[in-house]
Amino acid sequence: MATAQEKTKFEASPTRILAEYVSSLSYTGLPAEVIAHIKLCLIDTLGCALFGSTLPWGKIVTDFAKEMGSGKGALIWGDGAEVPSTSAPLANGTLVHSFELDDLHRVGVIHPGAETIPAADALVRPAGSVDGKQFLTAVVAGYEVGCRVAMTGGASQLRRGFHPSATSGTFAAGAAAAKILRLKPNETLHALGIAGTQAAGLMAAQQASMVKRMHPGRSAQAGVYGALLAAKDFTGIENILEAPYGGFCSTFCDNPNLSHLTDRLGERFETLNVGFKSYPCCGSNHTSIDALKKILREHPEVGPENVKKIRIRATRATKLHVGWPYQPNSMTTAQMNLLYCVAILLHDREFFVDQVTEESIRRPDVLKTTKKIDVIEDAQFEAMGDEGRHGVSLEVELSDGTRYKETVLHAKGSDKYPMTREEVLQKFRLLSSRVLSPSRVDKLQDTLFNLEKLEDARWLGELLRP
């Protein structure tokens, strides 16, 4: 714990308050519901990573990390190779985000698991003795800091063209890495100041590239760099979040709300507002998928052959982010594009991993249907602020003039409409079974649910070997 003099010093700015919070956070200070939810976050994240290890871009980054050098550090999930702690988070963070299935904080528009958990795991071996309780505490620290930073202006970052997981995510990773290394408050301050200045990631990557998958990996790596350098007395930007010129919030966000950084810190846990994805696509598409699925359930006669038009009213951020004309350039493009996701759901009446393949994204019938879909900016959702961030009103017009309309504000899996524990586990088992045997899946699941009993957190990496 910090001395009284140190506490007075750390009350000076939001960045310092967050650094003090991370340094002093203890497992005993975490509410039971937070511990239960972060375990589900770990389960969901690692399932996503294992599935990601089977994908072409996951394999490329894994091979690249191994080419950068081997040796004492951390294990690459789904592969088992040990590489330096500065290389593993690049690979593992990329694997988590490899198929748009990783967890999501709705207001901050950030995928905290992809940055936080790889950063924490990367330093378990260098840190020495880290047990399950310490690992859980570090992960919560990362989620809390990353989500709060993202809340200052995640949607405005998207409008500007930045990817919040690549920018705000550096703070999630830096906080988790600092906690694993047991850094003191001032060291943690500099870890955040080093991690945050590496923030970078442009949303043009969502069109015809693999590199968007890598954004959280780079964030995780930035956090590890920050903690390791701070431990050597390398200094960062001490007021990185609140600096009026060149600070993170003033540079990346429109009208940032800095109160989110410290409001009821330690009392209100943003970790509890992290949801899970039901569909392998951008979170901005999920409410439209839910709306169309409801129409298809209630009106089975609706199909691609008799749909004349689909109109989706949404926020400007949603239109810019996912509502652009679809071209089958890559699987990333398809997963980020609202028109594609709605079109293939109309055809297949389902949307999961089998709906996003090199073949499906180029189907002529689906391409034809995307031309019938309009995304329209609607002021009613803009006026709702954070509550309307992902809100949509979806209308299906049939050839005979019949119209069906559904309005959805919060997607299945979000904090407002959460997936059940059983649904999260079903998703985990579907994804992880692509790599691990049934017995290993059982062992991994049981270990994660009882992580506070684990004496050595290095065992997690071992369980993720194929």
Protein backbone atom coordinates (compact mmCIF):
# COMPACT_ATOMS: atom_id res chain seq x y z
CA MET A 1 0.00 0.00 0.00
CA ALA A 2 1.11 3.55 -0.71
CA THR A 3 2.12 5.89 2.10
CA ALA A 4 -0.05 8.90 3.06
CA GLN A 5 2.38 11.16 1.17
CA GLU A 6 2.14 9.01 -1.94
CA LYS A 7 -1.68 8.97 -1.73
CA THR A 8 -1.78 12.75 -1.64
CA LYS A 9 0.43 12.85 -4.71
CA PHE A 10 -1.77 10.38 -6.56
CA GLU A 11 -4.94 12.39 -5.99
CA ALA A 12 -3.63 15.00 -8.43
CA SER A 13 -4.91 13.52 -11.70
CA PRO A 14 -7.07 10.73 -13.15
CA THR A 15 -4.01 8.93 -14.51
CA ARG A 16 -2.41 8.90 -11.08
CA ILE A 17 -5.61 7.77 -9.39
CA LEU A 18 -5.89 4.84 -11.81
CA ALA A 19 -2.25 3.91 -11.22
CA GLU A 20 -2.80 3.90 -7.46
CA TYR A 21 -5.94 1.82 -7.92
CA VAL A 22 -4.14 -0.80 -10.00
CA SER A 23 -1.22 -1.01 -7.61
CA SER A 24 -3.37 -1.38 -4.50
CA LEU A 25 -6.12 -3.65 -5.88
CA SER A 26 -6.37 -6.96 -4.04
CA TYR A 27 -8.29 -10.16 -4.63
CA THR A 28 -10.09 -9.75 -1.33
CA GLY A 29 -11.39 -6.39 -2.53
CA LEU A 30 -13.17 -7.92 -5.51
CA PRO A 31 -16.92 -8.62 -5.14
CA ALA A 32 -17.99 -12.22 -5.76
CA GLU A 33 -20.03 -11.20 -8.81
CA VAL A 34 -16.98 -9.56 -10.38
CA ILE A 35 -14.89 -12.70 -9.82
CA ALA A 36 -17.63 -14.85 -11.32
CA HIS A 37 -17.96 -12.63 -14.37
CA ILE A 38 -14.23 -12.30 -15.04
CA LYS A 39 -14.01 -16.10 -15.05
CA LEU A 40 -16.62 -16.16 -17.83
CA CYS A 41 -14.56 -13.51 -19.64
CA LEU A 42 -11.49 -15.75 -19.40
CA ILE A 43 -13.44 -18.76 -20.67
CA ASP A 44 -14.89 -16.82 -23.59
CA THR A 45 -11.57 -15.19 -24.49
CA LEU A 46 -9.57 -18.40 -24.48
CA GLY A 47 -12.19 -20.19 -26.55
CA CYS A 48 -11.95 -17.41 -29.13
CA ALA A 49 -8.14 -17.67 -29.11
CA LEU A 50 -8.14 -21.42 -29.67
CA PHE A 51 -10.48 -21.06 -32.64
CA GLY A 52 -8.33 -18.20 -33.92
CA SER A 53 -5.26 -20.45 -33.93
CA THR A 54 -6.87 -22.52 -36.72
CA LEU A 55 -7.35 -19.54 -39.07
CA PRO A 56 -4.89 -18.43 -41.78
CA TRP A 57 -4.07 -15.06 -40.21
CA GLY A 58 -3.75 -16.66 -36.78
CA LYS A 59 -1.22 -19.11 -38.17
CA ILE A 60 0.74 -16.36 -39.92
CA VAL A 61 1.11 -14.28 -36.77
CA THR A 62 1.94 -17.38 -34.71
CA ASP A 63 4.71 -18.31 -37.15
CA PHE A 64 5.92 -14.70 -37.16
CA ALA A 65 6.14 -14.62 -33.37
CA LYS A 66 8.16 -17.84 -33.39
CA GLU A 67 10.48 -16.44 -36.06
CA MET A 68 11.16 -13.44 -33.82
CA GLY A 69 12.88 -15.76 -31.37
CA SER A 70 12.37 -18.55 -28.89
CA GLY A 71 13.26 -18.78 -25.24
CA LYS A 72 11.95 -18.15 -21.78
CA GLY A 73 8.78 -16.08 -21.85
CA ALA A 74 5.23 -17.20 -22.55
CA LEU A 75 3.44 -19.85 -24.55
CA ILE A 76 1.54 -19.17 -27.76
CA TRP A 77 -1.98 -20.45 -27.20
CA GLY A 78 -3.14 -23.29 -29.41
CA ASP A 79 0.45 -23.91 -30.52
CA GLY A 80 2.51 -24.46 -27.38
CA ALA A 81 5.73 -22.78 -28.53
CA GLU A 82 7.50 -20.68 -25.90
CA VAL A 83 8.61 -17.26 -27.11
CA PRO A 84 9.79 -14.06 -25.39
CA SER A 85 7.21 -12.24 -23.29
CA THR A 86 7.30 -9.34 -25.74
CA SER A 87 6.30 -11.62 -28.64
CA ALA A 88 3.62 -13.84 -27.11
CA PRO A 89 1.00 -11.10 -26.56
CA LEU A 90 1.21 -10.04 -30.21
CA ALA A 91 0.28 -13.58 -31.24
CA ASN A 92 -2.24 -14.34 -28.50
CA GLY A 93 -4.06 -11.01 -28.72
CA THR A 94 -4.38 -11.51 -32.47
CA LEU A 95 -5.77 -15.01 -31.97
CA VAL A 96 -8.45 -13.75 -29.59
CA HIS A 97 -9.68 -11.13 -32.06
CA SER A 98 -9.26 -13.35 -35.11
CA PHE A 99 -12.95 -13.98 -35.84
CA GLU A 100 -14.90 -11.08 -34.31
CA LEU A 101 -16.20 -13.29 -31.51
CA ASP A 102 -14.40 -11.78 -28.52
CA ASP A 103 -16.04 -9.98 -25.60
CA LEU A 104 -17.26 -6.38 -25.87
CA HIS A 105 -17.83 -3.42 -23.59
CA ARG A 106 -20.79 -1.76 -25.31
CA VAL A 107 -20.27 1.86 -24.24
CA GLY A 108 -16.49 1.88 -24.55
CA VAL A 109 -16.60 -0.06 -27.84
CA ILE A 110 -13.62 -2.11 -26.69
CA HIS A 111 -12.80 -5.83 -26.63
CA PRO A 112 -10.93 -5.96 -23.30
CA GLY A 113 -10.17 -9.67 -23.21
CA ALA A 114 -7.99 -9.55 -26.31
CA GLU A 115 -5.65 -6.99 -24.76
CA THR A 116 -5.80 -7.74 -21.05
CA ILE A 117 -5.48 -11.51 -20.82
CA PRO A 118 -2.58 -11.96 -23.30
CA ALA A 119 -0.66 -9.17 -21.53
CA ALA A 120 -1.19 -10.72 -18.10
CA ASP A 121 -0.28 -14.21 -19.28
CA ALA A 122 2.85 -12.96 -21.05
CA LEU A 123 4.46 -11.91 -17.76
CA VAL A 124 3.45 -14.77 -15.47
CA ARG A 125 6.79 -16.54 -15.97
CA PRO A 126 9.08 -13.48 -15.66
CA ALA A 127 7.17 -12.32 -12.58
CA GLY A 128 8.00 -15.46 -10.66
CA SER A 129 5.34 -16.87 -8.37
CA VAL A 130 1.88 -15.85 -9.60
CA ASP A 131 -1.11 -17.79 -8.33
CA GLY A 132 -4.68 -17.86 -9.60
CA LYS A 133 -5.89 -15.12 -7.28
CA GLN A 134 -3.14 -12.77 -8.41
CA PHE A 135 -3.88 -13.55 -12.05
CA LEU A 136 -7.59 -12.88 -11.63
CA THR A 137 -6.83 -9.59 -9.86
CA ALA A 138 -4.52 -8.45 -12.66
CA VAL A 139 -7.14 -9.25 -15.28
CA VAL A 140 -9.81 -7.30 -13.42
CA ALA A 141 -7.39 -4.35 -13.12
CA GLY A 142 -6.91 -4.41 -16.88
CA TYR A 143 -10.62 -4.63 -17.63
CA GLU A 144 -11.45 -1.80 -15.24
CA VAL A 145 -8.81 0.59 -16.57
CA GLY A 146 -9.31 -0.28 -20.23
CA CYS A 147 -13.08 0.00 -20.15
CA ARG A 148 -13.02 3.28 -18.25
CA VAL A 149 -10.54 4.82 -20.65
CA ALA A 150 -12.64 3.62 -23.58
CA MET A 151 -15.80 5.13 -22.05
CA THR A 152 -14.33 8.64 -22.29
CA GLY A 153 -15.05 8.59 -26.02
CA GLY A 154 -15.08 5.18 -27.70
CA ALA A 155 -17.83 6.04 -30.18
CA SER A 156 -16.13 9.29 -31.14
CA GLN A 157 -12.92 7.36 -31.79
CA LEU A 158 -14.85 5.23 -34.27
CA ARG A 159 -16.25 8.30 -35.99
CA ARG A 160 -12.72 9.63 -36.35
CA GLY A 161 -11.59 6.32 -37.82
CA PHE A 162 -9.69 4.83 -34.88
CA HIS A 163 -10.15 1.30 -33.54
CA PRO A 164 -10.73 1.61 -29.75
CA SER A 165 -9.31 -1.83 -28.97
CA ALA A 166 -6.09 -0.71 -30.62
CA THR A 167 -6.03 2.63 -28.80
CA SER A 168 -7.85 2.42 -25.45
CA GLY A 169 -6.81 -1.22 -25.26
CA THR A 170 -3.19 -0.28 -24.55
CA PHE A 171 -4.24 0.92 -21.09
CA ALA A 172 -6.03 -2.36 -20.34
CA ALA A 173 -2.87 -4.25 -21.23
CA GLY A 174 -0.59 -1.86 -19.37
CA ALA A 175 -2.62 -2.10 -16.17
CA ALA A 176 -2.75 -5.91 -16.24
CA ALA A 177 0.95 -6.22 -17.02
CA ALA A 178 1.88 -3.78 -14.25
CA LYS A 179 -0.22 -5.72 -11.76
CA ILE A 180 1.37 -9.05 -12.67
CA LEU A 181 4.82 -7.51 -12.11
CA ARG A 182 3.60 -6.04 -8.79
CA LEU A 183 4.73 -2.55 -9.79
CA LYS A 184 4.47 0.28 -7.28
CA PRO A 185 2.08 3.18 -7.93
CA ASN A 186 4.65 5.44 -9.57
CA GLU A 187 5.97 2.58 -11.71
CA THR A 188 2.41 1.73 -12.72
CA LEU A 189 1.86 5.38 -13.65
CA HIS A 190 4.79 5.18 -16.04
CA ALA A 191 3.70 1.78 -17.36
CA LEU A 192 0.39 3.38 -18.40
CA GLY A 193 2.23 6.39 -19.81
CA ILE A 194 4.46 4.17 -21.94
CA ALA A 195 1.69 1.83 -23.06
CA GLY A 196 -0.74 4.59 -23.99
CA THR A 197 1.65 6.52 -26.20
CA GLN A 198 1.90 3.43 -28.42
CA ALA A 199 -1.85 3.58 -29.16
CA ALA A 200 -2.57 3.13 -32.86
CA GLY A 201 -5.09 1.41 -35.10
CA LEU A 202 -7.12 2.62 -38.06
CA MET A 203 -10.58 1.36 -38.94
CA ALA A 204 -9.86 1.34 -42.67
CA ALA A 205 -8.32 -2.01 -41.72
CA GLN A 206 -11.83 -3.48 -41.67
CA GLN A 207 -11.87 -3.48 -45.47
CA ALA A 208 -9.89 -6.21 -47.23
CA SER A 209 -7.08 -6.76 -44.74
CA MET A 210 -5.91 -9.16 -42.07
CA VAL A 211 -4.33 -6.41 -40.00
CA LYS A 212 -7.46 -5.51 -38.02
CA ARG A 213 -7.14 -8.91 -36.35
CA MET A 214 -3.71 -7.84 -35.11
CA HIS A 215 -4.77 -4.56 -33.47
CA PRO A 216 -5.47 -6.03 -30.00
CA GLY A 217 -2.26 -8.05 -30.23
CA ARG A 218 -0.30 -4.85 -30.68
CA SER A 219 -2.19 -3.30 -27.74
CA ALA A 220 -1.32 -6.28 -25.56
CA GLN A 221 2.30 -6.01 -26.65
CA ALA A 222 2.33 -2.26 -25.91
CA GLY A 223 1.13 -2.95 -22.39
CA VAL A 224 3.86 -5.51 -21.81
CA TYR A 225 6.49 -3.09 -23.15
CA GLY A 226 5.13 -0.42 -20.81
CA ALA A 227 5.33 -2.57 -17.67
CA LEU A 228 8.75 -4.06 -18.43
CA LEU A 229 10.26 -0.67 -19.22
CA ALA A 230 8.67 1.01 -16.20
CA ALA A 231 10.16 -1.71 -14.01
CA LYS A 232 13.57 -0.55 -15.26
CA ASP A 233 12.79 3.09 -14.34
CA PHE A 234 12.07 4.13 -17.91
CA THR A 235 9.54 6.95 -17.77
CA GLY A 236 6.34 7.59 -19.68
CA ILE A 237 3.80 10.43 -19.93
CA GLU A 238 2.67 11.02 -16.35
CA ASN A 239 -0.56 12.82 -17.33
CA ILE A 240 -1.21 10.79 -20.45
CA LEU A 241 -5.00 10.61 -20.08
CA GLU A 242 -5.79 14.20 -19.11
CA ALA A 243 -3.04 16.22 -20.82
CA PRO A 244 -4.77 19.06 -22.71
CA TYR A 245 -2.35 18.89 -25.63
CA GLY A 246 -1.10 15.54 -26.88
CA GLY A 247 -2.85 13.59 -24.17
CA PHE A 248 -4.74 10.44 -25.06
CA CYS A 249 -8.26 11.74 -24.50
CA SER A 250 -7.71 15.18 -26.02
CA THR A 251 -6.14 13.61 -29.11
CA PHE A 252 -8.35 10.61 -29.79
CA CYS A 253 -11.78 11.68 -28.54
CA ASP A 254 -14.34 14.39 -29.31
CA ASN A 255 -15.42 16.12 -26.08
CA PRO A 256 -14.02 13.39 -23.82
CA ASN A 257 -15.81 12.78 -20.54
CA LEU A 258 -12.95 12.28 -18.09
CA SER A 259 -15.32 11.60 -15.19
CA HIS A 260 -15.64 8.01 -16.45
CA LEU A 261 -12.02 7.40 -15.49
CA THR A 262 -12.53 7.61 -11.74
CA ASP A 263 -16.27 7.74 -11.07
CA ARG A 264 -16.94 5.37 -8.14
CA LEU A 265 -13.66 3.59 -8.88
CA GLY A 266 -13.52 0.44 -6.79
CA GLU A 267 -17.27 0.56 -6.15
CA ARG A 268 -18.78 0.40 -9.65
CA PHE A 269 -17.10 -2.32 -11.71
CA GLU A 270 -17.22 -1.87 -15.46
CA THR A 271 -16.08 -5.47 -15.76
CA LEU A 272 -19.71 -6.42 -15.09
CA ASN A 273 -20.77 -4.49 -18.20
CA VAL A 274 -18.61 -6.56 -20.54
CA GLY A 275 -20.81 -8.76 -22.72
CA PHE A 276 -20.24 -11.74 -24.98
CA LYS A 277 -20.83 -12.08 -28.69
CA SER A 278 -23.43 -14.44 -30.06
CA TYR A 279 -22.36 -13.84 -33.67
CA PRO A 280 -18.94 -13.74 -35.42
CA CYS A 281 -19.15 -10.16 -36.63
CA CYS A 282 -18.77 -6.56 -35.56
CA GLY A 283 -20.79 -5.73 -32.44
CA SER A 284 -22.51 -2.91 -34.31
CA ASN A 285 -24.23 -5.56 -36.47
CA HIS A 286 -25.69 -7.64 -33.67
CA THR A 287 -28.87 -5.66 -33.01
CA SER A 288 -29.83 -5.87 -36.69
CA ILE A 289 -29.22 -9.62 -36.67
CA ASP A 290 -31.41 -9.96 -33.58
CA ALA A 291 -34.14 -7.86 -35.20
CA LEU A 292 -34.17 -9.88 -38.42
CA LYS A 293 -34.02 -13.19 -36.54
CA LYS A 294 -37.15 -12.21 -34.64
CA ILE A 295 -38.97 -11.33 -37.87
CA LEU A 296 -37.92 -14.64 -39.44
CA ARG A 297 -39.11 -16.60 -36.38
CA GLU A 298 -42.48 -14.89 -36.28
CA HIS A 299 -43.01 -14.77 -40.06
CA PRO A 300 -41.55 -17.93 -41.62
CA GLU A 301 -42.88 -16.94 -45.03
CA VAL A 302 -40.24 -14.18 -45.25
CA GLY A 303 -37.33 -15.21 -47.46
CA PRO A 304 -34.85 -13.82 -49.99
CA GLU A 305 -37.20 -14.62 -52.87
CA ASN A 306 -39.98 -12.31 -51.65
CA VAL A 307 -38.05 -9.52 -49.91
CA LYS A 308 -38.14 -6.28 -51.87
CA LYS A 309 -36.27 -4.02 -49.45
CA ILE A 310 -34.67 -3.99 -46.01
CA ARG A 311 -34.20 -0.62 -44.31
CA ILE A 312 -32.03 -0.30 -41.21
CA ARG A 313 -32.16 2.94 -39.24
CA ALA A 314 -29.21 3.46 -36.89
CA THR A 315 -26.71 5.97 -35.51
CA ARG A 316 -24.22 7.82 -37.65
CA ALA A 317 -21.40 5.83 -35.99
CA THR A 318 -23.06 2.57 -37.01
CA LYS A 319 -23.59 3.74 -40.58
CA LEU A 320 -19.96 4.84 -40.89
CA HIS A 321 -18.59 1.81 -39.09
CA VAL A 322 -20.53 -0.99 -40.79
CA GLY A 323 -23.13 0.45 -43.18
CA TRP A 324 -21.04 0.90 -46.32
CA PRO A 325 -21.70 -0.84 -49.69
CA TYR A 326 -20.55 -4.44 -49.53
CA GLN A 327 -17.79 -5.86 -51.70
CA PRO A 328 -16.52 -9.42 -51.09
CA ASN A 329 -12.91 -8.40 -50.56
CA SER A 330 -12.12 -10.57 -47.54
CA MET A 331 -13.66 -12.36 -44.59
CA THR A 332 -12.77 -9.34 -42.45
CA THR A 333 -14.80 -7.17 -44.81
CA ALA A 334 -17.79 -9.50 -44.54
CA GLN A 335 -17.70 -9.69 -40.76
CA MET A 336 -17.51 -5.91 -40.44
CA ASN A 337 -20.23 -5.21 -43.00
CA LEU A 338 -23.86 -4.93 -41.86
CA LEU A 339 -25.33 -5.57 -45.31
CA TYR A 340 -23.53 -8.89 -45.69
CA CYS A 341 -24.46 -10.13 -42.21
CA VAL A 342 -28.15 -9.33 -42.69
CA ALA A 343 -28.20 -10.76 -46.22
CA ILE A 344 -26.70 -14.12 -45.37
CA LEU A 345 -28.92 -14.43 -42.30
CA LEU A 346 -31.92 -13.95 -44.59
CA HIS A 347 -30.66 -16.79 -46.80
CA ASP A 348 -29.36 -19.25 -44.19
CA ARG A 349 -31.61 -18.24 -41.26
CA GLU A 350 -28.50 -18.69 -39.12
CA PHE A 351 -25.33 -16.73 -38.42
CA PHE A 352 -22.27 -18.34 -36.87
CA VAL A 353 -18.84 -19.43 -38.06
CA ASP A 354 -20.13 -21.45 -41.03
CA GLN A 355 -21.73 -18.31 -42.45
CA VAL A 356 -18.32 -16.64 -42.85
CA THR A 357 -16.12 -18.64 -45.20
CA GLU A 358 -14.16 -17.83 -48.33
CA GLU A 359 -17.03 -19.37 -50.30
CA SER A 360 -19.99 -17.87 -48.47
CA ILE A 361 -18.79 -14.25 -48.61
CA ARG A 362 -18.86 -14.41 -52.44
CA ARG A 363 -22.18 -16.19 -52.99
CA PRO A 364 -24.01 -14.52 -55.91
CA ASP A 365 -27.42 -14.85 -54.21
CA VAL A 366 -26.15 -13.13 -51.06
CA LEU A 367 -24.42 -10.39 -53.07
CA LYS A 368 -27.69 -9.73 -54.88
CA THR A 369 -29.54 -9.39 -51.57
CA THR A 370 -27.05 -6.85 -50.18
CA LYS A 371 -28.18 -4.47 -52.94
CA LYS A 372 -31.67 -4.48 -51.40
CA ILE A 373 -30.45 -3.21 -48.00
CA ASP A 374 -30.22 0.46 -47.01
CA VAL A 375 -28.62 1.79 -43.81
CA ILE A 376 -30.08 5.15 -42.82
CA GLU A 377 -28.77 7.56 -40.21
CA ASP A 378 -31.51 8.21 -37.65
CA ALA A 379 -31.46 11.08 -35.18
CA GLN A 380 -33.67 9.24 -32.66
CA PHE A 381 -30.84 6.86 -31.81
CA GLU A 382 -28.26 9.64 -31.76
CA ALA A 383 -30.42 11.50 -29.21
CA MET A 384 -30.31 8.50 -26.86
CA GLY A 385 -26.55 8.76 -26.33
CA ASP A 386 -24.88 5.60 -25.04
CA GLU A 387 -28.24 3.82 -24.73
CA GLY A 388 -28.81 4.18 -28.45
CA ARG A 389 -25.25 3.43 -29.51
CA HIS A 390 -26.16 0.09 -31.15
CA GLY A 391 -29.90 0.70 -31.46
CA VAL A 392 -31.59 -0.07 -34.78
CA SER A 393 -35.01 -0.13 -36.35
CA LEU A 394 -35.11 -2.79 -39.07
CA GLU A 395 -37.95 -2.93 -41.58
CA VAL A 396 -38.53 -5.71 -44.10
CA GLU A 397 -40.71 -4.87 -47.09
CA LEU A 398 -42.05 -7.78 -49.13
CA SER A 399 -42.88 -7.81 -52.83
CA ASP A 400 -46.61 -7.68 -52.08
CA GLY A 401 -46.19 -4.51 -49.98
CA THR A 402 -46.35 -6.22 -46.57
CA ARG A 403 -43.96 -4.69 -44.03
CA TYR A 404 -42.53 -6.05 -40.79
CA LYS A 405 -40.57 -3.88 -38.40
CA GLU A 406 -38.51 -4.57 -35.27
CA THR A 407 -36.63 -2.12 -33.06
CA VAL A 408 -33.74 -3.46 -30.96
CA LEU A 409 -31.67 -1.30 -28.62
CA HIS A 410 -29.45 -3.95 -27.03
CA ALA A 411 -28.08 -7.10 -28.62
CA LYS A 412 -28.27 -10.58 -27.21
CA GLY A 413 -25.06 -11.06 -25.23
CA SER A 414 -24.68 -7.40 -24.24
CA ASP A 415 -24.73 -6.13 -20.66
CA LYS A 416 -28.40 -5.20 -21.13
CA TYR A 417 -29.40 -8.62 -22.49
CA PRO A 418 -26.72 -11.04 -21.28
CA MET A 419 -26.01 -14.54 -22.44
CA THR A 420 -26.57 -17.18 -19.79
CA ARG A 421 -23.68 -19.05 -18.25
CA GLU A 422 -24.72 -22.13 -20.22
CA GLU A 423 -24.75 -20.17 -23.49
CA VAL A 424 -21.23 -18.87 -22.86
CA LEU A 425 -20.02 -22.38 -22.11
CA GLN A 426 -21.68 -23.80 -25.21
CA LYS A 427 -19.89 -21.22 -27.33
CA PHE A 428 -16.59 -21.96 -25.56
CA ARG A 429 -16.89 -25.68 -26.14
CA LEU A 430 -17.82 -25.26 -29.81
CA LEU A 431 -14.76 -23.09 -30.43
CA SER A 432 -12.16 -24.81 -28.24
CA SER A 433 -13.05 -28.30 -29.49
CA ARG A 434 -11.58 -27.31 -32.87
CA VAL A 435 -8.15 -27.60 -31.20
CA LEU A 436 -8.37 -29.47 -27.89
CA SER A 437 -9.61 -32.96 -27.04
CA PRO A 438 -12.88 -33.23 -25.08
CA SER A 439 -10.98 -34.15 -21.90
CA ARG A 440 -8.65 -31.15 -22.28
CA VAL A 441 -11.64 -28.85 -22.86
CA ASP A 442 -13.18 -30.18 -19.64
CA LYS A 443 -9.94 -29.67 -17.73
CA LEU A 444 -9.49 -26.11 -19.03
CA GLN A 445 -13.07 -25.18 -18.18
CA ASP A 446 -12.81 -26.63 -14.69
CA THR A 447 -9.48 -24.88 -14.05
CA LEU A 448 -10.86 -21.50 -15.11
CA PHE A 449 -13.94 -21.85 -12.92
CA ASN A 450 -11.67 -22.65 -9.97
CA LEU A 451 -8.82 -20.32 -10.84
CA GLU A 452 -8.54 -18.90 -7.33
CA LYS A 453 -7.36 -22.36 -6.22
CA LEU A 454 -4.56 -22.53 -8.81
CA GLU A 455 -1.16 -22.32 -7.15
CA ASP A 456 0.79 -21.55 -10.32
CA ALA A 457 -0.77 -19.49 -13.13
CA ARG A 458 1.78 -20.86 -15.61
CA TRP A 459 -0.44 -23.94 -15.77
CA LEU A 460 -2.95 -22.01 -17.90
CA GLY A 461 -0.59 -21.85 -20.86
CA GLU A 462 0.08 -25.57 -20.55
CA LEU A 463 -3.65 -26.33 -20.78
CA LEU A 464 -3.83 -24.37 -24.04
CA ARG A 465 -1.34 -26.61 -25.81
CA PRO A 466 -2.96 -28.62 -28.65
